[in-house]
Every structure is written in C-alpha cells, then in structure tokens.
PDB file of N, CA and C in Angstrom:
ATOM      1  N   UNK A   1       0.849  -1.199   0.000  1.00  0.00           N
ATOM      2  CA  UNK A   1       0.000   0.000   0.000  1.00  0.00           C
ATOM      3  C   UNK A   1       0.881   1.244   0.000  1.00  0.00           C
ATOM      4  N   UNK A   2       0.387   2.305  -0.566  1.00  0.00           N
ATOM      5  CA  UNK A   2       1.125   3.566  -0.642  1.00  0.00           C
ATOM      6  C   UNK A   2       1.151   4.249   0.709  1.00  0.00           C
ATOM      7  N   UNK A   3       2.171   5.042   0.914  1.00  0.00           N
ATOM      8  CA  UNK A   3       2.234   5.898   2.086  1.00  0.00           C
ATOM      9  C   UNK A   3       1.128   6.938   1.961  1.00  0.00           C
ATOM     10  N   UNK A   4       0.443   7.237   3.058  1.00  0.00           N
ATOM     11  CA  UNK A   4      -0.682   8.180   3.033  1.00  0.00           C
ATOM     12  C   UNK A   4      -0.257   9.557   2.545  1.00  0.00           C
ATOM     13  N   UNK A   5       1.005   9.940   2.772  1.00  0.00           N
ATOM     14  CA  UNK A   5       1.487  11.243   2.308  1.00  0.00           C
ATOM     15  C   UNK A   5       1.406  11.343   0.789  1.00  0.00           C
ATOM     16  N   UNK A   6       1.594  10.231   0.101  1.00  0.00           N
ATOM     17  CA  UNK A   6       1.596  10.245  -1.353  1.00  0.00           C
ATOM     18  C   UNK A   6       0.273   9.763  -1.920  1.00  0.00           C
ATOM     19  N   UNK A   7      -0.679   9.496  -1.074  1.00  0.00           N
ATOM     20  CA  UNK A   7      -1.966   8.952  -1.497  1.00  0.00           C
ATOM     21  C   UNK A   7      -2.860  10.089  -1.974  1.00  0.00           C
ATOM     22  N   UNK A   8      -3.162  10.100  -3.256  1.00  0.00           N
ATOM     23  CA  UNK A   8      -3.978  11.163  -3.824  1.00  0.00           C
ATOM     24  C   UNK A   8      -5.446  10.782  -3.941  1.00  0.00           C
ATOM     25  N   UNK A   9      -5.863   9.755  -3.203  1.00  0.00           N
ATOM     26  CA  UNK A   9      -7.277   9.384  -3.242  1.00  0.00           C
ATOM     27  C   UNK A   9      -8.131  10.558  -2.795  1.00  0.00           C
ATOM     28  N   UNK A  10      -9.286  10.667  -3.407  1.00  0.00           N
ATOM     29  CA  UNK A  10     -10.236  11.705  -3.015  1.00  0.00           C
ATOM     30  C   UNK A  10     -11.217  11.107  -2.016  1.00  0.00           C
ATOM     31  N   UNK A  11     -11.382  11.804  -0.896  1.00  0.00           N
ATOM     32  CA  UNK A  11     -12.271  11.361   0.166  1.00  0.00           C
ATOM     33  C   UNK A  11     -13.545  12.202   0.086  1.00  0.00           C
ATOM     34  N   UNK A  12     -14.716  11.559  -0.023  1.00  0.00           N
ATOM     35  CA  UNK A  12     -15.958  12.348  -0.087  1.00  0.00           C
ATOM     36  C   UNK A  12     -16.229  13.064   1.238  1.00  0.00           C
ATOM     37  N   UNK A  13     -16.909  14.177   1.150  1.00  0.00           N
ATOM     38  CA  UNK A  13     -17.171  15.023   2.310  1.00  0.00           C
ATOM     39  C   UNK A  13     -17.795  14.268   3.497  1.00  0.00           C
ATOM     40  N   UNK A  14     -18.763  13.355   3.274  1.00  0.00           N
ATOM     41  CA  UNK A  14     -19.304  12.626   4.431  1.00  0.00           C
ATOM     42  C   UNK A  14     -18.232  11.815   5.179  1.00  0.00           C
ATOM     43  N   UNK A  15     -17.260  11.282   4.456  1.00  0.00           N
ATOM     44  CA  UNK A  15     -16.180  10.539   5.123  1.00  0.00           C
ATOM     45  C   UNK A  15     -15.217  11.475   5.834  1.00  0.00           C
ATOM     46  N   UNK A  16     -15.044  12.688   5.306  1.00  0.00           N
ATOM     47  CA  UNK A  16     -14.204  13.685   5.984  1.00  0.00           C
ATOM     48  C   UNK A  16     -14.864  14.065   7.309  1.00  0.00           C
ATOM     49  N   UNK A  17     -16.181  14.307   7.274  1.00  0.00           N
ATOM     50  CA  UNK A  17     -16.915  14.631   8.513  1.00  0.00           C
ATOM     51  C   UNK A  17     -16.764  13.499   9.527  1.00  0.00           C
ATOM     52  N   UNK A  18     -16.908  12.265   9.065  1.00  0.00           N
ATOM     53  CA  UNK A  18     -16.790  11.112   9.962  1.00  0.00           C
ATOM     54  C   UNK A  18     -15.367  10.984  10.511  1.00  0.00           C
ATOM     55  N   UNK A  19     -14.375  11.269   9.687  1.00  0.00           N
ATOM     56  CA  UNK A  19     -12.969  11.169  10.110  1.00  0.00           C
ATOM     57  C   UNK A  19     -12.695  12.058  11.315  1.00  0.00           C
ATOM     58  N   UNK A  20     -13.293  13.258  11.314  1.00  0.00           N
ATOM     59  CA  UNK A  20     -13.037  14.223  12.387  1.00  0.00           C
ATOM     60  C   UNK A  20     -14.193  14.337  13.377  1.00  0.00           C
ATOM     61  N   UNK A  21     -15.280  13.649  13.110  1.00  0.00           N
ATOM     62  CA  UNK A  21     -16.423  13.693  14.019  1.00  0.00           C
ATOM     63  C   UNK A  21     -17.043  15.070  14.111  1.00  0.00           C
ATOM     64  N   UNK A  22     -17.164  15.725  12.952  1.00  0.00           N
ATOM     65  CA  UNK A  22     -17.692  17.091  12.921  1.00  0.00           C
ATOM     66  C   UNK A  22     -18.901  17.188  11.984  1.00  0.00           C
ATOM     67  N   UNK A  23     -19.596  18.310  12.070  1.00  0.00           N
ATOM     68  CA  UNK A  23     -20.786  18.558  11.252  1.00  0.00           C
ATOM     69  C   UNK A  23     -20.416  19.294   9.957  1.00  0.00           C
ATOM     70  N   UNK A  24     -21.409  19.416   9.077  1.00  0.00           N
ATOM     71  CA  UNK A  24     -21.233  20.227   7.863  1.00  0.00           C
ATOM     72  C   UNK A  24     -20.837  21.650   8.208  1.00  0.00           C
ATOM     73  N   UNK A  25     -21.480  22.192   9.231  1.00  0.00           N
ATOM     74  CA  UNK A  25     -21.211  23.582   9.618  1.00  0.00           C
ATOM     75  C   UNK A  25     -19.768  23.747  10.098  1.00  0.00           C
ATOM     76  N   UNK A  26     -19.271  22.772  10.825  1.00  0.00           N
ATOM     77  CA  UNK A  26     -17.878  22.857  11.283  1.00  0.00           C
ATOM     78  C   UNK A  26     -16.924  22.848  10.098  1.00  0.00           C
ATOM     79  N   UNK A  27     -17.158  21.971   9.124  1.00  0.00           N
ATOM     80  CA  UNK A  27     -16.293  21.970   7.936  1.00  0.00           C
ATOM     81  C   UNK A  27     -16.389  23.295   7.196  1.00  0.00           C
ATOM     82  N   UNK A  28     -17.575  23.853   7.133  1.00  0.00           N
ATOM     83  CA  UNK A  28     -17.734  25.160   6.494  1.00  0.00           C
ATOM     84  C   UNK A  28     -16.884  26.196   7.223  1.00  0.00           C
ATOM     85  N   UNK A  29     -16.930  26.167   8.539  1.00  0.00           N
ATOM     86  CA  UNK A  29     -16.124  27.122   9.329  1.00  0.00           C
ATOM     87  C   UNK A  29     -14.635  26.900   9.092  1.00  0.00           C
ATOM     88  N   UNK A  30     -14.217  25.642   9.073  1.00  0.00           N
ATOM     89  CA  UNK A  30     -12.806  25.348   8.831  1.00  0.00           C
ATOM     90  C   UNK A  30     -12.392  25.856   7.455  1.00  0.00           C
ATOM     91  N   UNK A  31     -13.248  25.692   6.457  1.00  0.00           N
ATOM     92  CA  UNK A  31     -12.951  26.169   5.104  1.00  0.00           C
ATOM     93  C   UNK A  31     -12.808  27.687   5.053  1.00  0.00           C
ATOM     94  N   UNK A  32     -13.519  28.388   5.908  1.00  0.00           N
ATOM     95  CA  UNK A  32     -13.529  29.850   5.878  1.00  0.00           C
ATOM     96  C   UNK A  32     -12.626  30.480   6.926  1.00  0.00           C
ATOM     97  N   UNK A  33     -11.778  29.682   7.564  1.00  0.00           N
ATOM     98  CA  UNK A  33     -10.834  30.191   8.558  1.00  0.00           C
ATOM     99  C   UNK A  33      -9.418  30.012   8.004  1.00  0.00           C
ATOM    100  N   UNK A  34      -8.857  31.050   7.382  1.00  0.00           N
ATOM    101  CA  UNK A  34      -7.540  30.913   6.756  1.00  0.00           C
ATOM    102  C   UNK A  34      -6.442  30.502   7.743  1.00  0.00           C
ATOM    103  N   UNK A  35      -6.567  30.888   9.010  1.00  0.00           N
ATOM    104  CA  UNK A  35      -5.545  30.551   9.996  1.00  0.00           C
ATOM    105  C   UNK A  35      -5.472  29.041  10.238  1.00  0.00           C
ATOM    106  N   UNK A  36      -6.564  28.342  10.015  1.00  0.00           N
ATOM    107  CA  UNK A  36      -6.608  26.900  10.255  1.00  0.00           C
ATOM    108  C   UNK A  36      -5.891  26.120   9.153  1.00  0.00           C
ATOM    109  N   UNK A  37      -5.885  26.684   7.940  1.00  0.00           N
ATOM    110  CA  UNK A  37      -5.197  26.071   6.804  1.00  0.00           C
ATOM    111  C   UNK A  37      -5.720  24.668   6.476  1.00  0.00           C
ATOM    112  N   UNK A  38      -7.026  24.467   6.631  1.00  0.00           N
ATOM    113  CA  UNK A  38      -7.632  23.174   6.315  1.00  0.00           C
ATOM    114  C   UNK A  38      -7.647  22.982   4.803  1.00  0.00           C
ATOM    115  N   UNK A  39      -7.337  21.775   4.327  1.00  0.00           N
ATOM    116  CA  UNK A  39      -7.291  21.536   2.870  1.00  0.00           C
ATOM    117  C   UNK A  39      -8.605  21.913   2.169  1.00  0.00           C
ATOM    118  N   UNK A  40      -8.468  22.614   1.083  1.00  0.00           N
ATOM    119  CA  UNK A  40      -9.638  23.061   0.317  1.00  0.00           C
ATOM    120  C   UNK A  40     -10.316  21.886  -0.373  1.00  0.00           C
ATOM    121  N   UNK A  41     -11.640  21.967  -0.510  1.00  0.00           N
ATOM    122  CA  UNK A  41     -12.350  20.891  -1.202  1.00  0.00           C
ATOM    123  C   UNK A  41     -12.143  20.963  -2.707  1.00  0.00           C
ATOM    124  N   UNK A  42     -12.312  19.825  -3.324  1.00  0.00           N
ATOM    125  CA  UNK A  42     -12.318  19.709  -4.778  1.00  0.00           C
ATOM    126  C   UNK A  42     -13.752  19.383  -5.144  1.00  0.00           C
ATOM    127  N   UNK A  43     -14.343  20.160  -6.034  1.00  0.00           N
ATOM    128  CA  UNK A  43     -15.739  19.940  -6.414  1.00  0.00           C
ATOM    129  C   UNK A  43     -15.819  19.154  -7.715  1.00  0.00           C
ATOM    130  N   UNK A  44     -16.588  18.061  -7.661  1.00  0.00           N
ATOM    131  CA  UNK A  44     -16.815  17.235  -8.842  1.00  0.00           C
ATOM    132  C   UNK A  44     -18.313  16.971  -8.910  1.00  0.00           C
ATOM    133  N   UNK A  45     -18.933  17.430  -9.990  1.00  0.00           N
ATOM    134  CA  UNK A  45     -20.378  17.262 -10.175  1.00  0.00           C
ATOM    135  C   UNK A  45     -21.187  17.711  -8.958  1.00  0.00           C
ATOM    136  N   UNK A  46     -20.802  18.839  -8.392  1.00  0.00           N
ATOM    137  CA  UNK A  46     -21.543  19.414  -7.273  1.00  0.00           C
ATOM    138  C   UNK A  46     -21.256  18.779  -5.922  1.00  0.00           C
ATOM    139  N   UNK A  47     -20.356  17.808  -5.880  1.00  0.00           N
ATOM    140  CA  UNK A  47     -20.007  17.161  -4.612  1.00  0.00           C
ATOM    141  C   UNK A  47     -18.596  17.553  -4.211  1.00  0.00           C
ATOM    142  N   UNK A  48     -18.349  17.566  -2.909  1.00  0.00           N
ATOM    143  CA  UNK A  48     -17.032  17.948  -2.401  1.00  0.00           C
ATOM    144  C   UNK A  48     -16.230  16.719  -2.002  1.00  0.00           C
ATOM    145  N   UNK A  49     -14.946  16.791  -2.333  1.00  0.00           N
ATOM    146  CA  UNK A  49     -13.975  15.763  -1.972  1.00  0.00           C
ATOM    147  C   UNK A  49     -12.724  16.469  -1.464  1.00  0.00           C
ATOM    148  N   UNK A  50     -11.900  15.725  -0.735  1.00  0.00           N
ATOM    149  CA  UNK A  50     -10.606  16.255  -0.304  1.00  0.00           C
ATOM    150  C   UNK A  50      -9.560  15.178  -0.504  1.00  0.00           C
ATOM    151  N   UNK A  51      -8.340  15.608  -0.800  1.00  0.00           N
ATOM    152  CA  UNK A  51      -7.256  14.653  -1.015  1.00  0.00           C
ATOM    153  C   UNK A  51      -6.795  14.084   0.331  1.00  0.00           C
ATOM    154  N   UNK A  52      -6.694  12.772   0.389  1.00  0.00           N
ATOM    155  CA  UNK A  52      -6.247  12.120   1.611  1.00  0.00           C
ATOM    156  C   UNK A  52      -4.859  12.608   2.010  1.00  0.00           C
ATOM    157  N   UNK A  53      -3.970  12.773   1.042  1.00  0.00           N
ATOM    158  CA  UNK A  53      -2.603  13.220   1.350  1.00  0.00           C
ATOM    159  C   UNK A  53      -2.602  14.592   2.022  1.00  0.00           C
ATOM    160  N   UNK A  54      -3.502  15.487   1.595  1.00  0.00           N
ATOM    161  CA  UNK A  54      -3.581  16.821   2.194  1.00  0.00           C
ATOM    162  C   UNK A  54      -4.159  16.759   3.604  1.00  0.00           C
ATOM    163  N   UNK A  55      -5.134  15.870   3.811  1.00  0.00           N
ATOM    164  CA  UNK A  55      -5.706  15.712   5.153  1.00  0.00           C
ATOM    165  C   UNK A  55      -4.656  15.187   6.132  1.00  0.00           C
ATOM    166  N   UNK A  56      -3.879  14.195   5.688  1.00  0.00           N
ATOM    167  CA  UNK A  56      -2.839  13.627   6.550  1.00  0.00           C
ATOM    168  C   UNK A  56      -1.780  14.683   6.869  1.00  0.00           C
ATOM    169  N   UNK A  57      -1.381  15.456   5.880  1.00  0.00           N
ATOM    170  CA  UNK A  57      -0.395  16.517   6.105  1.00  0.00           C
ATOM    171  C   UNK A  57      -0.938  17.553   7.089  1.00  0.00           C
ATOM    172  N   UNK A  58      -2.213  17.909   6.961  1.00  0.00           N
ATOM    173  CA  UNK A  58      -2.844  18.867   7.883  1.00  0.00           C
ATOM    174  C   UNK A  58      -2.855  18.306   9.302  1.00  0.00           C
ATOM    175  N   UNK A  59      -3.208  17.021   9.436  1.00  0.00           N
ATOM    176  CA  UNK A  59      -3.235  16.388  10.757  1.00  0.00           C
ATOM    177  C   UNK A  59      -1.851  16.420  11.404  1.00  0.00           C
ATOM    178  N   UNK A  60      -0.836  16.120  10.621  1.00  0.00           N
ATOM    179  CA  UNK A  60       0.536  16.119  11.151  1.00  0.00           C
ATOM    180  C   UNK A  60       0.978  17.512  11.563  1.00  0.00           C
ATOM    181  N   UNK A  61       0.630  18.514  10.769  1.00  0.00           N
ATOM    182  CA  UNK A  61       0.985  19.894  11.103  1.00  0.00           C
ATOM    183  C   UNK A  61       0.288  20.334  12.386  1.00  0.00           C
ATOM    184  N   UNK A  62      -0.982  19.958  12.544  1.00  0.00           N
ATOM    185  CA  UNK A  62      -1.726  20.295  13.765  1.00  0.00           C
ATOM    186  C   UNK A  62      -1.107  19.619  14.988  1.00  0.00           C
ATOM    187  N   UNK A  63      -0.727  18.364  14.821  1.00  0.00           N
ATOM    188  CA  UNK A  63      -0.113  17.630  15.935  1.00  0.00           C
ATOM    189  C   UNK A  63       1.203  18.283  16.340  1.00  0.00           C
ATOM    190  N   UNK A  64       1.988  18.699  15.345  1.00  0.00           N
ATOM    191  CA  UNK A  64       3.262  19.355  15.630  1.00  0.00           C
ATOM    192  C   UNK A  64       3.041  20.684  16.349  1.00  0.00           C
ATOM    193  N   UNK A  65       2.018  21.437  15.934  1.00  0.00           N
ATOM    194  CA  UNK A  65       1.697  22.710  16.594  1.00  0.00           C
ATOM    195  C   UNK A  65       1.296  22.487  18.045  1.00  0.00           C
ATOM    196  N   UNK A  66       0.490  21.455  18.279  1.00  0.00           N
ATOM    197  CA  UNK A  66       0.026  21.188  19.642  1.00  0.00           C
ATOM    198  C   UNK A  66       1.152  20.734  20.546  1.00  0.00           C
ATOM    199  N   UNK A  67       2.113  19.982  20.005  1.00  0.00           N
ATOM    200  CA  UNK A  67       3.245  19.548  20.795  1.00  0.00           C
ATOM    201  C   UNK A  67       4.161  20.718  21.124  1.00  0.00           C
ATOM    202  N   UNK A  68       4.260  21.674  20.197  1.00  0.00           N
ATOM    203  CA  UNK A  68       5.116  22.836  20.398  1.00  0.00           C
ATOM    204  C   UNK A  68       4.524  23.819  21.404  1.00  0.00           C
ATOM    205  N   UNK A  69       3.224  23.769  21.570  1.00  0.00           N
ATOM    206  CA  UNK A  69       2.562  24.737  22.462  1.00  0.00           C
ATOM    207  C   UNK A  69       2.705  24.371  23.915  1.00  0.00           C
TER     208      UNK A  69
END
C-alpha cells in the first residue's frame, strides 16, 4: 500500500466529517478560517472531496503545533 502522504485518493465530504467527528457547519467554518489552513475541497459534479494526502499533512501539522505549544 502507498504511504498516506503520497496517497492522492479523493475522500468524499461525508467521510471527511466522519474522520473528524464534525458537522457540515464545522467543515464550512474550517474552510472559511484561513488561519486553520484546512485543505480546500475539490468539487466534482456538485459534490465535495478532499485529497487524503492533504488531510494527513494537515493532521501532522496540527499535531506538531500542539506539541510545540
């Protein structure tokens, strides 16, 4: 299996919500908060997806920030 950093699979928005245990509104807020730097969605036929590699990179950056604090 590929390393998640290089995994360009697209994750549908419902799975992104489930991954973080958040609502649609929370994802909307994350998308509109530039300081959070949450990966932008990719729209295909009116549906939102996110790259797994970008989500993993975001998670790692957040973990590093929390450890540094």
